[in-house]
Amino acid sequence: MYEILFFVFAAAAVGFAINLLVQRHPIYGAISLIGVMASLASLYLMLGAEFIAAVQVIVYAGAIMVLFVFVIMLLNAGVEERTNRSRMAKQLGAPLVVLLLGLLTSLVYRNFPPDAAVRFGDFPGQTADIGRRLYIYYMLPFEVVSILILVAIVGAVVLAKKET
C-alpha cells in the first residue's frame, strides 16, 4: 500500500513540476509549485518525518507561496509571450534531458546498493531527533542564524522607514 501511495505522490510531484515549467501564466506556475510542495509533504509524512512535512506545508506552501502570489499580483504579471526558441535548443533539448536522466539513474544505482531501500516510517528527520540535534549539537549555529535573521529584520525595517 505504501509503495503505491509513494509512486502516486512522486508522480504527482513530477507532474506538478513539469506543469510548473510549461506554464505561461505566473499564477498557474505558483499553484503548480504549491502542488509540488504538497506532494513532497505527503512523501515526508509517509516516511515518518512529521515535522519536516509540517514545515513544508506551513512555511513553504503557506507563507512563501503567499508572498510569491502577492508579488505576482503586485507586478500585474500577465501571460508570458511566446518567443522564437533557437534551433539548437529545440534540437538538443530533449536528447540532453534524456542523457541527464540516464546519468542520474546510473549514479543512483551505483551509489545505493539494492538492500539500502528506504523503509517507511524509519526516517531520521522526526521531531524529537531534530530538536535534540538542534539544541545539543548545533546550538551555536542555530543562535548565529537567529541573530542574522534578527539583524536582517531590523535592517529591513530601517530601510522601509527611510522611504516613507
N, C-alpha and C. Protein backbone atom coordinates (compact mmCIF):
# COMPACT_ATOMS: atom_id res chain seq x y z
N MET A 1 0.83 -1.20 0.00
CA MET A 1 0.00 0.00 0.00
C MET A 1 0.86 1.26 0.00
N TYR A 2 1.94 1.24 0.87
CA TYR A 2 2.81 2.40 0.93
C TYR A 2 3.53 2.64 -0.39
N GLU A 3 3.91 1.56 -1.03
CA GLU A 3 4.62 1.71 -2.29
C GLU A 3 3.73 2.37 -3.35
N ILE A 4 2.47 1.98 -3.37
CA ILE A 4 1.55 2.57 -4.35
C ILE A 4 1.36 4.06 -4.06
N LEU A 5 1.15 4.40 -2.79
CA LEU A 5 1.00 5.81 -2.43
C LEU A 5 2.27 6.60 -2.72
N PHE A 6 3.43 5.96 -2.46
CA PHE A 6 4.69 6.64 -2.77
C PHE A 6 4.78 6.99 -4.24
N PHE A 7 4.47 6.03 -5.09
CA PHE A 7 4.55 6.30 -6.53
C PHE A 7 3.49 7.31 -6.97
N VAL A 8 2.33 7.29 -6.35
CA VAL A 8 1.29 8.27 -6.70
C VAL A 8 1.76 9.68 -6.36
N PHE A 9 2.28 9.86 -5.14
CA PHE A 9 2.73 11.20 -4.73
C PHE A 9 3.99 11.61 -5.50
N ALA A 10 4.87 10.67 -5.76
CA ALA A 10 6.07 11.01 -6.53
C ALA A 10 5.69 11.41 -7.96
N ALA A 11 4.76 10.68 -8.55
CA ALA A 11 4.30 11.05 -9.90
C ALA A 11 3.59 12.39 -9.89
N ALA A 12 2.83 12.66 -8.82
CA ALA A 12 2.17 13.96 -8.73
C ALA A 12 3.19 15.08 -8.61
N ALA A 13 4.25 14.86 -7.82
CA ALA A 13 5.29 15.88 -7.68
C ALA A 13 5.98 16.14 -9.01
N VAL A 14 6.29 15.09 -9.74
CA VAL A 14 6.94 15.27 -11.04
C VAL A 14 5.98 15.94 -12.02
N GLY A 15 4.72 15.54 -11.99
CA GLY A 15 3.73 16.16 -12.88
C GLY A 15 3.55 17.64 -12.60
N PHE A 16 3.45 17.99 -11.31
CA PHE A 16 3.32 19.41 -10.96
C PHE A 16 4.58 20.18 -11.35
N ALA A 17 5.74 19.56 -11.18
CA ALA A 17 6.99 20.24 -11.54
C ALA A 17 7.06 20.48 -13.05
N ILE A 18 6.65 19.50 -13.83
CA ILE A 18 6.64 19.69 -15.29
C ILE A 18 5.62 20.75 -15.67
N ASN A 19 4.47 20.72 -15.01
CA ASN A 19 3.45 21.75 -15.26
C ASN A 19 3.96 23.13 -14.90
N LEU A 20 4.75 23.21 -13.84
CA LEU A 20 5.35 24.49 -13.45
C LEU A 20 6.25 25.03 -14.56
N LEU A 21 6.98 24.13 -15.19
CA LEU A 21 7.92 24.57 -16.23
C LEU A 21 7.22 25.01 -17.50
N VAL A 22 6.09 24.42 -17.82
CA VAL A 22 5.45 24.73 -19.09
C VAL A 22 4.38 25.80 -18.98
N GLN A 23 4.03 26.23 -17.77
CA GLN A 23 3.00 27.25 -17.62
C GLN A 23 3.49 28.60 -18.12
N ARG A 24 2.61 29.36 -18.70
CA ARG A 24 2.96 30.68 -19.19
C ARG A 24 2.48 31.79 -18.26
N HIS A 25 1.48 31.49 -17.47
CA HIS A 25 0.98 32.48 -16.53
C HIS A 25 1.62 32.24 -15.17
N PRO A 26 2.17 33.27 -14.54
CA PRO A 26 2.88 33.06 -13.27
C PRO A 26 2.00 32.54 -12.15
N ILE A 27 0.73 32.90 -12.13
CA ILE A 27 -0.14 32.40 -11.07
C ILE A 27 -0.32 30.89 -11.19
N TYR A 28 -0.49 30.41 -12.41
CA TYR A 28 -0.62 28.96 -12.59
C TYR A 28 0.67 28.24 -12.21
N GLY A 29 1.78 28.88 -12.49
CA GLY A 29 3.06 28.30 -12.08
C GLY A 29 3.19 28.24 -10.56
N ALA A 30 2.73 29.29 -9.88
CA ALA A 30 2.78 29.29 -8.42
C ALA A 30 1.87 28.20 -7.85
N ILE A 31 0.72 28.01 -8.46
CA ILE A 31 -0.19 26.96 -8.00
C ILE A 31 0.43 25.58 -8.22
N SER A 32 1.12 25.42 -9.33
CA SER A 32 1.82 24.15 -9.57
C SER A 32 2.91 23.93 -8.54
N LEU A 33 3.60 25.00 -8.16
CA LEU A 33 4.64 24.87 -7.14
C LEU A 33 4.04 24.48 -5.79
N ILE A 34 2.87 24.97 -5.48
CA ILE A 34 2.18 24.55 -4.26
C ILE A 34 1.87 23.06 -4.33
N GLY A 35 1.47 22.59 -5.51
CA GLY A 35 1.21 21.16 -5.69
C GLY A 35 2.46 20.32 -5.47
N VAL A 36 3.60 20.82 -5.95
CA VAL A 36 4.86 20.10 -5.73
C VAL A 36 5.16 20.02 -4.24
N MET A 37 4.99 21.13 -3.55
CA MET A 37 5.29 21.15 -2.12
C MET A 37 4.33 20.27 -1.33
N ALA A 38 3.07 20.25 -1.70
CA ALA A 38 2.12 19.38 -1.02
C ALA A 38 2.46 17.91 -1.27
N SER A 39 2.87 17.58 -2.48
CA SER A 39 3.26 16.20 -2.77
C SER A 39 4.49 15.80 -1.97
N LEU A 40 5.45 16.71 -1.87
CA LEU A 40 6.64 16.41 -1.08
C LEU A 40 6.29 16.25 0.39
N ALA A 41 5.39 17.08 0.89
CA ALA A 41 4.97 16.94 2.29
C ALA A 41 4.30 15.58 2.52
N SER A 42 3.54 15.12 1.54
CA SER A 42 2.92 13.80 1.66
C SER A 42 3.98 12.71 1.71
N LEU A 43 5.01 12.87 0.89
CA LEU A 43 6.09 11.87 0.92
C LEU A 43 6.82 11.89 2.26
N TYR A 44 7.05 13.08 2.80
CA TYR A 44 7.69 13.16 4.13
C TYR A 44 6.82 12.51 5.19
N LEU A 45 5.52 12.72 5.11
CA LEU A 45 4.62 12.08 6.07
C LEU A 45 4.70 10.56 5.98
N MET A 46 4.77 10.06 4.77
CA MET A 46 4.86 8.61 4.60
C MET A 46 6.15 8.05 5.16
N LEU A 47 7.21 8.87 5.13
CA LEU A 47 8.49 8.41 5.67
C LEU A 47 8.56 8.55 7.18
N GLY A 48 7.56 9.18 7.79
CA GLY A 48 7.54 9.33 9.23
C GLY A 48 8.17 10.61 9.71
N ALA A 49 8.41 11.56 8.83
CA ALA A 49 9.02 12.84 9.21
C ALA A 49 7.92 13.89 9.29
N GLU A 50 7.18 13.84 10.40
CA GLU A 50 6.03 14.73 10.54
C GLU A 50 6.44 16.19 10.62
N PHE A 51 7.55 16.47 11.32
CA PHE A 51 7.99 17.85 11.49
C PHE A 51 8.37 18.46 10.14
N ILE A 52 9.12 17.73 9.35
CA ILE A 52 9.53 18.25 8.05
C ILE A 52 8.31 18.43 7.15
N ALA A 53 7.35 17.53 7.23
CA ALA A 53 6.13 17.69 6.44
C ALA A 53 5.35 18.92 6.87
N ALA A 54 5.26 19.14 8.18
CA ALA A 54 4.54 20.32 8.67
C ALA A 54 5.25 21.60 8.26
N VAL A 55 6.57 21.62 8.35
CA VAL A 55 7.33 22.80 7.93
C VAL A 55 7.17 23.03 6.44
N GLN A 56 7.17 21.96 5.68
CA GLN A 56 6.99 22.06 4.22
C GLN A 56 5.66 22.73 3.89
N VAL A 57 4.62 22.35 4.59
CA VAL A 57 3.30 22.91 4.30
C VAL A 57 3.17 24.31 4.86
N ILE A 58 3.55 24.51 6.12
CA ILE A 58 3.34 25.81 6.76
C ILE A 58 4.25 26.87 6.18
N VAL A 59 5.53 26.59 6.12
CA VAL A 59 6.49 27.62 5.70
C VAL A 59 6.49 27.79 4.19
N TYR A 60 6.72 26.70 3.48
CA TYR A 60 6.91 26.83 2.03
C TYR A 60 5.58 26.99 1.30
N ALA A 61 4.68 26.04 1.47
CA ALA A 61 3.42 26.11 0.73
C ALA A 61 2.54 27.22 1.26
N GLY A 62 2.66 27.56 2.52
CA GLY A 62 1.83 28.60 3.08
C GLY A 62 2.45 29.97 2.93
N ALA A 63 3.45 30.26 3.72
CA ALA A 63 3.98 31.62 3.80
C ALA A 63 4.70 32.07 2.53
N ILE A 64 5.62 31.29 2.07
CA ILE A 64 6.42 31.74 0.92
C ILE A 64 5.58 31.80 -0.35
N MET A 65 4.69 30.86 -0.54
CA MET A 65 3.88 30.90 -1.76
C MET A 65 2.87 32.04 -1.71
N VAL A 66 2.36 32.37 -0.53
CA VAL A 66 1.50 33.55 -0.42
C VAL A 66 2.28 34.79 -0.80
N LEU A 67 3.52 34.88 -0.35
CA LEU A 67 4.38 36.00 -0.74
C LEU A 67 4.59 36.04 -2.25
N PHE A 68 4.85 34.90 -2.85
CA PHE A 68 5.03 34.84 -4.31
C PHE A 68 3.76 35.33 -5.02
N VAL A 69 2.62 34.85 -4.57
CA VAL A 69 1.37 35.24 -5.24
C VAL A 69 1.11 36.73 -5.07
N PHE A 70 1.41 37.29 -3.89
CA PHE A 70 1.25 38.73 -3.71
C PHE A 70 2.18 39.51 -4.63
N VAL A 71 3.40 39.08 -4.75
CA VAL A 71 4.35 39.77 -5.64
C VAL A 71 3.88 39.67 -7.08
N ILE A 72 3.41 38.52 -7.48
CA ILE A 72 2.91 38.36 -8.86
C ILE A 72 1.72 39.29 -9.09
N MET A 73 0.85 39.37 -8.08
CA MET A 73 -0.32 40.23 -8.24
C MET A 73 0.08 41.70 -8.24
N LEU A 74 1.06 42.08 -7.41
CA LEU A 74 1.50 43.47 -7.39
C LEU A 74 2.18 43.87 -8.69
N LEU A 75 2.92 42.96 -9.26
CA LEU A 75 3.60 43.26 -10.52
C LEU A 75 2.64 43.21 -11.70
N ASN A 76 1.47 42.66 -11.47
CA ASN A 76 0.46 42.51 -12.51
C ASN A 76 1.02 41.77 -13.72
N ALA A 77 1.67 40.69 -13.43
CA ALA A 77 2.31 39.91 -14.48
C ALA A 77 1.26 39.16 -15.29
N GLY A 78 1.35 39.30 -16.57
CA GLY A 78 0.42 38.63 -17.45
C GLY A 78 1.00 37.36 -18.02
N VAL A 79 0.34 36.88 -19.04
CA VAL A 79 0.79 35.66 -19.69
C VAL A 79 2.08 35.96 -20.46
N GLU A 80 3.02 35.07 -20.31
CA GLU A 80 4.29 35.23 -21.00
C GLU A 80 4.10 35.06 -22.50
N GLU A 81 4.73 35.95 -23.23
CA GLU A 81 4.61 35.85 -24.69
C GLU A 81 5.54 34.78 -25.22
N ARG A 82 5.08 34.16 -26.27
CA ARG A 82 5.88 33.10 -26.88
C ARG A 82 7.03 33.73 -27.66
N THR A 83 8.20 33.21 -27.45
CA THR A 83 9.36 33.69 -28.19
C THR A 83 9.84 32.60 -29.14
N ASN A 84 10.59 33.02 -30.09
CA ASN A 84 11.18 32.03 -31.00
C ASN A 84 12.41 31.43 -30.35
N ARG A 85 12.31 30.16 -30.09
CA ARG A 85 13.44 29.47 -29.50
C ARG A 85 14.49 29.22 -30.56
N SER A 86 15.68 29.08 -30.09
CA SER A 86 16.74 28.83 -31.07
C SER A 86 16.64 27.40 -31.58
N ARG A 87 17.15 27.21 -32.76
CA ARG A 87 17.12 25.86 -33.36
C ARG A 87 17.94 24.88 -32.54
N MET A 88 19.05 25.38 -32.03
CA MET A 88 19.92 24.49 -31.26
C MET A 88 19.21 24.01 -30.00
N ALA A 89 18.46 24.90 -29.34
CA ALA A 89 17.73 24.49 -28.14
C ALA A 89 16.65 23.49 -28.47
N LYS A 90 15.98 23.66 -29.60
CA LYS A 90 14.94 22.72 -29.99
C LYS A 90 15.51 21.34 -30.29
N GLN A 91 16.65 21.31 -30.96
CA GLN A 91 17.20 20.02 -31.39
C GLN A 91 17.98 19.31 -30.30
N LEU A 92 18.62 20.08 -29.43
CA LEU A 92 19.45 19.44 -28.40
C LEU A 92 18.75 19.29 -27.06
N GLY A 93 17.62 19.93 -26.86
CA GLY A 93 16.96 19.91 -25.56
C GLY A 93 16.56 18.52 -25.11
N ALA A 94 15.78 17.83 -25.90
CA ALA A 94 15.29 16.51 -25.49
C ALA A 94 16.42 15.49 -25.34
N PRO A 95 17.37 15.39 -26.29
CA PRO A 95 18.46 14.43 -26.07
C PRO A 95 19.31 14.74 -24.83
N LEU A 96 19.52 16.00 -24.55
CA LEU A 96 20.29 16.33 -23.35
C LEU A 96 19.53 15.98 -22.08
N VAL A 97 18.21 16.14 -22.08
CA VAL A 97 17.42 15.74 -20.91
C VAL A 97 17.49 14.23 -20.72
N VAL A 98 17.39 13.48 -21.80
CA VAL A 98 17.48 12.02 -21.71
C VAL A 98 18.87 11.61 -21.21
N LEU A 99 19.91 12.27 -21.70
CA LEU A 99 21.26 11.98 -21.25
C LEU A 99 21.43 12.29 -19.76
N LEU A 100 20.90 13.42 -19.32
CA LEU A 100 20.98 13.79 -17.91
C LEU A 100 20.26 12.79 -17.03
N LEU A 101 19.04 12.39 -17.43
CA LEU A 101 18.30 11.40 -16.65
C LEU A 101 19.04 10.06 -16.60
N GLY A 102 19.65 9.68 -17.72
CA GLY A 102 20.42 8.44 -17.73
C GLY A 102 21.61 8.50 -16.79
N LEU A 103 22.31 9.63 -16.79
CA LEU A 103 23.45 9.78 -15.88
C LEU A 103 23.01 9.76 -14.42
N LEU A 104 21.91 10.44 -14.13
CA LEU A 104 21.42 10.45 -12.75
C LEU A 104 21.00 9.05 -12.31
N THR A 105 20.31 8.34 -13.18
CA THR A 105 19.90 6.97 -12.85
C THR A 105 21.12 6.08 -12.62
N SER A 106 22.12 6.23 -13.47
CA SER A 106 23.34 5.45 -13.31
C SER A 106 24.02 5.75 -11.98
N LEU A 107 24.09 7.02 -11.62
CA LEU A 107 24.71 7.39 -10.34
C LEU A 107 23.94 6.83 -9.16
N VAL A 108 22.63 6.85 -9.23
CA VAL A 108 21.82 6.32 -8.12
C VAL A 108 22.03 4.82 -7.98
N TYR A 109 22.05 4.08 -9.09
CA TYR A 109 22.23 2.63 -9.00
C TYR A 109 23.63 2.26 -8.53
N ARG A 110 24.62 3.05 -8.88
CA ARG A 110 25.99 2.73 -8.46
C ARG A 110 26.23 3.05 -6.99
N ASN A 111 25.65 4.14 -6.51
CA ASN A 111 25.95 4.59 -5.16
C ASN A 111 25.03 4.05 -4.09
N PHE A 112 23.91 3.52 -4.46
CA PHE A 112 22.98 2.99 -3.46
C PHE A 112 22.76 1.51 -3.73
N PRO A 113 23.24 0.64 -2.82
CA PRO A 113 23.01 -0.79 -3.02
C PRO A 113 21.52 -1.12 -2.91
N PRO A 114 21.10 -2.23 -3.52
CA PRO A 114 19.67 -2.54 -3.53
C PRO A 114 19.09 -2.81 -2.14
N ASP A 115 19.91 -3.23 -1.19
CA ASP A 115 19.36 -3.51 0.14
C ASP A 115 19.26 -2.25 1.00
N ALA A 116 19.64 -1.10 0.47
CA ALA A 116 19.56 0.15 1.23
C ALA A 116 18.28 0.90 0.92
N ALA A 117 17.20 0.18 0.71
CA ALA A 117 15.93 0.82 0.38
C ALA A 117 15.40 1.58 1.59
N VAL A 118 14.64 2.60 1.32
CA VAL A 118 14.04 3.41 2.38
C VAL A 118 12.89 2.64 2.99
N ARG A 119 12.88 2.59 4.30
CA ARG A 119 11.76 1.94 4.99
C ARG A 119 10.80 3.03 5.45
N PHE A 120 9.55 2.82 5.20
CA PHE A 120 8.55 3.81 5.55
C PHE A 120 8.45 3.92 7.07
N GLY A 121 8.43 5.13 7.56
CA GLY A 121 8.34 5.38 8.98
C GLY A 121 9.68 5.32 9.69
N ASP A 122 10.77 5.10 8.95
CA ASP A 122 12.08 4.97 9.55
C ASP A 122 12.99 6.09 9.05
N PHE A 123 12.50 7.30 9.08
CA PHE A 123 13.25 8.45 8.56
C PHE A 123 13.90 9.17 9.73
N PRO A 124 15.15 9.59 9.60
CA PRO A 124 15.81 10.21 10.74
C PRO A 124 15.34 11.64 11.03
N GLY A 125 14.42 12.17 10.26
CA GLY A 125 14.01 13.56 10.45
C GLY A 125 12.78 13.70 11.32
N GLN A 126 12.65 12.89 12.36
CA GLN A 126 11.49 13.03 13.23
C GLN A 126 11.70 14.19 14.19
N THR A 127 10.63 14.68 14.75
CA THR A 127 10.66 15.91 15.53
C THR A 127 11.62 15.83 16.71
N ALA A 128 11.59 14.74 17.45
CA ALA A 128 12.47 14.61 18.61
C ALA A 128 13.94 14.60 18.21
N ASP A 129 14.25 13.92 17.11
CA ASP A 129 15.64 13.88 16.63
C ASP A 129 16.12 15.26 16.20
N ILE A 130 15.26 15.97 15.49
CA ILE A 130 15.64 17.31 15.02
C ILE A 130 15.85 18.25 16.21
N GLY A 131 14.93 18.21 17.17
CA GLY A 131 15.07 19.07 18.35
C GLY A 131 16.31 18.74 19.15
N ARG A 132 16.58 17.46 19.32
CA ARG A 132 17.75 17.04 20.08
C ARG A 132 19.04 17.51 19.40
N ARG A 133 19.13 17.28 18.11
CA ARG A 133 20.34 17.69 17.39
C ARG A 133 20.48 19.20 17.35
N LEU A 134 19.35 19.88 17.19
CA LEU A 134 19.39 21.34 17.09
C LEU A 134 19.86 21.98 18.38
N TYR A 135 19.38 21.49 19.50
CA TYR A 135 19.71 22.14 20.77
C TYR A 135 20.89 21.53 21.50
N ILE A 136 21.41 20.42 21.02
CA ILE A 136 22.60 19.84 21.66
C ILE A 136 23.83 20.03 20.78
N TYR A 137 23.73 19.60 19.53
CA TYR A 137 24.93 19.61 18.68
C TYR A 137 25.08 20.89 17.87
N TYR A 138 23.97 21.53 17.53
CA TYR A 138 24.05 22.69 16.64
C TYR A 138 23.51 23.95 17.31
N MET A 139 23.77 24.09 18.60
CA MET A 139 23.25 25.25 19.31
C MET A 139 23.89 26.55 18.83
N LEU A 140 25.19 26.56 18.65
CA LEU A 140 25.88 27.78 18.23
C LEU A 140 25.45 28.21 16.82
N PRO A 141 25.46 27.34 15.82
CA PRO A 141 24.98 27.78 14.50
C PRO A 141 23.52 28.23 14.54
N PHE A 142 22.71 27.57 15.36
CA PHE A 142 21.30 27.97 15.48
C PHE A 142 21.20 29.39 16.02
N GLU A 143 21.98 29.72 17.04
CA GLU A 143 21.94 31.06 17.61
C GLU A 143 22.51 32.09 16.64
N VAL A 144 23.55 31.74 15.90
CA VAL A 144 24.13 32.67 14.92
C VAL A 144 23.11 32.98 13.83
N VAL A 145 22.43 31.97 13.34
CA VAL A 145 21.41 32.19 12.32
C VAL A 145 20.28 33.03 12.87
N SER A 146 19.90 32.80 14.12
CA SER A 146 18.84 33.61 14.73
C SER A 146 19.24 35.07 14.80
N ILE A 147 20.48 35.35 15.16
CA ILE A 147 20.95 36.74 15.23
C ILE A 147 20.99 37.35 13.82
N LEU A 148 21.44 36.57 12.83
CA LEU A 148 21.47 37.09 11.45
C LEU A 148 20.06 37.43 10.96
N ILE A 149 19.11 36.59 11.28
CA ILE A 149 17.73 36.88 10.86
C ILE A 149 17.21 38.12 11.58
N LEU A 150 17.54 38.26 12.85
CA LEU A 150 17.12 39.46 13.59
C LEU A 150 17.75 40.72 12.99
N VAL A 151 19.02 40.66 12.63
CA VAL A 151 19.69 41.81 12.00
C VAL A 151 19.04 42.12 10.66
N ALA A 152 18.71 41.11 9.90
CA ALA A 152 18.05 41.33 8.61
C ALA A 152 16.68 41.98 8.79
N ILE A 153 15.94 41.55 9.79
CA ILE A 153 14.63 42.14 10.05
C ILE A 153 14.78 43.61 10.45
N VAL A 154 15.72 43.89 11.33
CA VAL A 154 15.95 45.29 11.75
C VAL A 154 16.39 46.12 10.56
N GLY A 155 17.27 45.58 9.71
CA GLY A 155 17.70 46.30 8.51
C GLY A 155 16.55 46.57 7.56
N ALA A 156 15.67 45.62 7.40
CA ALA A 156 14.52 45.82 6.52
C ALA A 156 13.59 46.90 7.07
N VAL A 157 13.41 46.91 8.38
CA VAL A 157 12.56 47.94 8.99
C VAL A 157 13.20 49.32 8.82
N VAL A 158 14.50 49.41 9.01
CA VAL A 158 15.18 50.69 8.86
C VAL A 158 15.09 51.17 7.41
N LEU A 159 15.32 50.29 6.47
CA LEU A 159 15.22 50.66 5.05
C LEU A 159 13.80 51.06 4.67
N ALA A 160 12.82 50.39 5.22
CA ALA A 160 11.43 50.73 4.91
C ALA A 160 11.05 52.07 5.52
N LYS A 161 11.60 52.39 6.69
CA LYS A 161 11.28 53.67 7.32
C LYS A 161 11.91 54.84 6.59
N LYS A 162 13.08 54.66 5.97
CA LYS A 162 13.73 55.74 5.26
C LYS A 162 12.93 56.18 4.05
N GLU A 163 12.26 55.26 3.41
CA GLU A 163 11.50 55.58 2.20
C GLU A 163 10.21 56.32 2.51
N THR A 164 9.67 56.20 3.70
CA THR A 164 8.40 56.86 4.00
C THR A 164 8.56 58.22 4.59
